[in-house]
Amino acid sequence: MVSFLLERGAKVAQRSKSGMSALHIAACEGADAVITELSTAHKKAEGGAKAMDQCGEAGLTPLIYAAQNGKAAPIRLLRAMVFMDAAS
């Protein structure tokens, strides 16, 4: 569904009224496949790890939301993506 929406022009960086992006929500929910798709789309649109550093209104990044919700797989995935972007 994510790729369907992105292919049809959905804005990957769109935020809710509370400042949360789809990446924030995917991290909260532990949706690994969605995190991967959104991260790839962010990388193409914005240049890499920038999306993972963006804070919502509460001042929290997607990585922090994943950690607060005890989602180990998304934490590993988000950290790996940040480090891959830093290395490239």
C-alpha atoms as a PDB file:
ATOM      1  CA  MET A   1       0.000   0.000   0.000  1.00  0.00           C
ATOM      2  CA  VAL A   2       2.858   2.406   0.798  1.00  0.00           C
ATOM      3  CA  SER A   3       4.481   1.976  -2.600  1.00  0.00           C
ATOM      4  CA  PHE A   4       1.068   2.367  -4.271  1.00  0.00           C
ATOM      5  CA  LEU A   5       0.563   5.717  -2.528  1.00  0.00           C
ATOM      6  CA  LEU A   6       4.105   6.925  -3.175  1.00  0.00           C
ATOM      7  CA  GLU A   7       3.888   6.007  -6.856  1.00  0.00           C
ATOM      8  CA  ARG A   8       0.751   8.134  -7.101  1.00  0.00           C
ATOM      9  CA  GLY A   9       2.359  11.217  -5.633  1.00  0.00           C
ATOM     10  CA  ALA A  10       1.876  10.901  -1.881  1.00  0.00           C
ATOM     11  CA  LYS A  11       4.306  13.223  -0.131  1.00  0.00           C
ATOM     12  CA  VAL A  12       6.711  11.128   1.889  1.00  0.00           C
ATOM     13  CA  ALA A  13       7.517  14.022   4.237  1.00  0.00           C
ATOM     14  CA  GLN A  14       3.876  14.990   4.903  1.00  0.00           C
ATOM     15  CA  ARG A  15       3.205  15.534   8.600  1.00  0.00           C
ATOM     16  CA  SER A  16       0.125  15.398  10.761  1.00  0.00           C
ATOM     17  CA  LYS A  17      -1.055  18.299  12.909  1.00  0.00           C
ATOM     18  CA  SER A  18       1.061  16.879  15.723  1.00  0.00           C
ATOM     19  CA  GLY A  19       4.152  16.896  13.491  1.00  0.00           C
ATOM     20  CA  MET A  20       4.371  13.140  13.005  1.00  0.00           C
ATOM     21  CA  SER A  21       5.305  11.735   9.622  1.00  0.00           C
ATOM     22  CA  ALA A  22       4.435   8.292   8.301  1.00  0.00           C
ATOM     23  CA  LEU A  23       7.939   7.225   9.357  1.00  0.00           C
ATOM     24  CA  HIS A  24       7.210   8.244  12.972  1.00  0.00           C
ATOM     25  CA  ILE A  25       3.990   6.216  12.945  1.00  0.00           C
ATOM     26  CA  ALA A  26       5.615   3.181  11.309  1.00  0.00           C
ATOM     27  CA  ALA A  27       8.339   3.273  13.982  1.00  0.00           C
ATOM     28  CA  CYS A  28       5.711   3.415  16.747  1.00  0.00           C
ATOM     29  CA  GLU A  29       3.877   0.442  15.264  1.00  0.00           C
ATOM     30  CA  GLY A  30       6.968  -1.629  14.529  1.00  0.00           C
ATOM     31  CA  ALA A  31       6.135  -1.836  10.823  1.00  0.00           C
ATOM     32  CA  ASP A  32       9.541  -2.879   9.454  1.00  0.00           C
ATOM     33  CA  ALA A  33       8.521  -3.172   5.787  1.00  0.00           C
ATOM     34  CA  VAL A  34       6.884   0.259   5.893  1.00  0.00           C
ATOM     35  CA  ILE A  35       9.961   1.770   7.568  1.00  0.00           C
ATOM     36  CA  THR A  36      12.144   0.360   4.796  1.00  0.00           C
ATOM     37  CA  GLU A  37       9.904   1.721   2.018  1.00  0.00           C
ATOM     38  CA  LEU A  38       9.551   5.140   3.618  1.00  0.00           C
ATOM     39  CA  SER A  39      13.260   5.407   4.358  1.00  0.00           C
ATOM     40  CA  THR A  40      14.090   4.611   0.741  1.00  0.00           C
ATOM     41  CA  ALA A  41      11.568   7.197  -0.453  1.00  0.00           C
ATOM     42  CA  HIS A  42      12.942   9.797   1.993  1.00  0.00           C
ATOM     43  CA  LYS A  43      16.464   9.093   0.783  1.00  0.00           C
ATOM     44  CA  LYS A  44      15.440   9.764  -2.808  1.00  0.00           C
ATOM     45  CA  ALA A  45      13.411  12.861  -1.931  1.00  0.00           C
ATOM     46  CA  GLU A  46      15.459  14.482   0.816  1.00  0.00           C
ATOM     47  CA  GLY A  47      18.916  13.006   0.952  1.00  0.00           C
ATOM     48  CA  GLY A  48      19.192  10.192   3.417  1.00  0.00           C
ATOM     49  CA  ALA A  49      19.134  10.184   7.186  1.00  0.00           C
ATOM     50  CA  LYS A  50      17.554  13.632   7.413  1.00  0.00           C
ATOM     51  CA  ALA A  51      14.107  12.021   7.712  1.00  0.00           C
ATOM     52  CA  MET A  52      15.245   9.926  10.631  1.00  0.00           C
ATOM     53  CA  ASP A  53      16.486  12.985  12.458  1.00  0.00           C
ATOM     54  CA  GLN A  54      13.236  14.926  12.111  1.00  0.00           C
ATOM     55  CA  CYS A  55      11.333  15.475  15.319  1.00  0.00           C
ATOM     56  CA  GLY A  56       7.600  15.511  15.726  1.00  0.00           C
ATOM     57  CA  GLU A  57       5.852  18.153  17.809  1.00  0.00           C
ATOM     58  CA  ALA A  58       6.850  16.280  20.980  1.00  0.00           C
ATOM     59  CA  GLY A  59      10.508  16.602  19.944  1.00  0.00           C
ATOM     60  CA  LEU A  60      10.958  12.892  19.283  1.00  0.00           C
ATOM     61  CA  THR A  61      12.516  11.185  16.267  1.00  0.00           C
ATOM     62  CA  PRO A  62      11.234   7.942  14.731  1.00  0.00           C
ATOM     63  CA  LEU A  63      14.075   6.085  16.467  1.00  0.00           C
ATOM     64  CA  ILE A  64      13.008   7.385  19.869  1.00  0.00           C
ATOM     65  CA  TYR A  65       9.374   6.432  19.215  1.00  0.00           C
ATOM     66  CA  ALA A  66      10.476   2.890  18.324  1.00  0.00           C
ATOM     67  CA  ALA A  67      12.582   2.692  21.502  1.00  0.00           C
ATOM     68  CA  GLN A  68       9.789   4.014  23.720  1.00  0.00           C
ATOM     69  CA  ASN A  69       7.445   1.374  22.366  1.00  0.00           C
ATOM     70  CA  GLY A  70       9.945  -1.444  22.827  1.00  0.00           C
ATOM     71  CA  LYS A  71      10.172  -2.224  19.129  1.00  0.00           C
ATOM     72  CA  ALA A  72      13.588  -3.872  18.751  1.00  0.00           C
ATOM     73  CA  ALA A  73      13.488  -4.647  15.018  1.00  0.00           C
ATOM     74  CA  PRO A  74      12.621  -1.070  13.973  1.00  0.00           C
ATOM     75  CA  ILE A  75      15.334   0.257  16.292  1.00  0.00           C
ATOM     76  CA  ARG A  76      17.943  -1.917  14.577  1.00  0.00           C
ATOM     77  CA  LEU A  77      16.582  -1.009  11.140  1.00  0.00           C
ATOM     78  CA  LEU A  78      16.513   2.755  11.767  1.00  0.00           C
ATOM     79  CA  ARG A  79      19.986   2.737  13.340  1.00  0.00           C
ATOM     80  CA  ALA A  80      21.417   0.751  10.435  1.00  0.00           C
ATOM     81  CA  MET A  81      19.899   3.182   7.940  1.00  0.00           C
ATOM     82  CA  VAL A  82      21.342   6.181   9.747  1.00  0.00           C
ATOM     83  CA  PHE A  83      24.795   4.586   9.854  1.00  0.00           C
ATOM     84  CA  MET A  84      24.601   3.529   6.176  1.00  0.00           C
ATOM     85  CA  ASP A  85      23.751   7.101   5.168  1.00  0.00           C
ATOM     86  CA  ALA A  86      26.566   8.486   7.299  1.00  0.00           C
ATOM     87  CA  ALA A  87      29.052   6.120   5.670  1.00  0.00           C
ATOM     88  CA  SER A  88      28.042   6.992   2.102  1.00  0.00           C
END
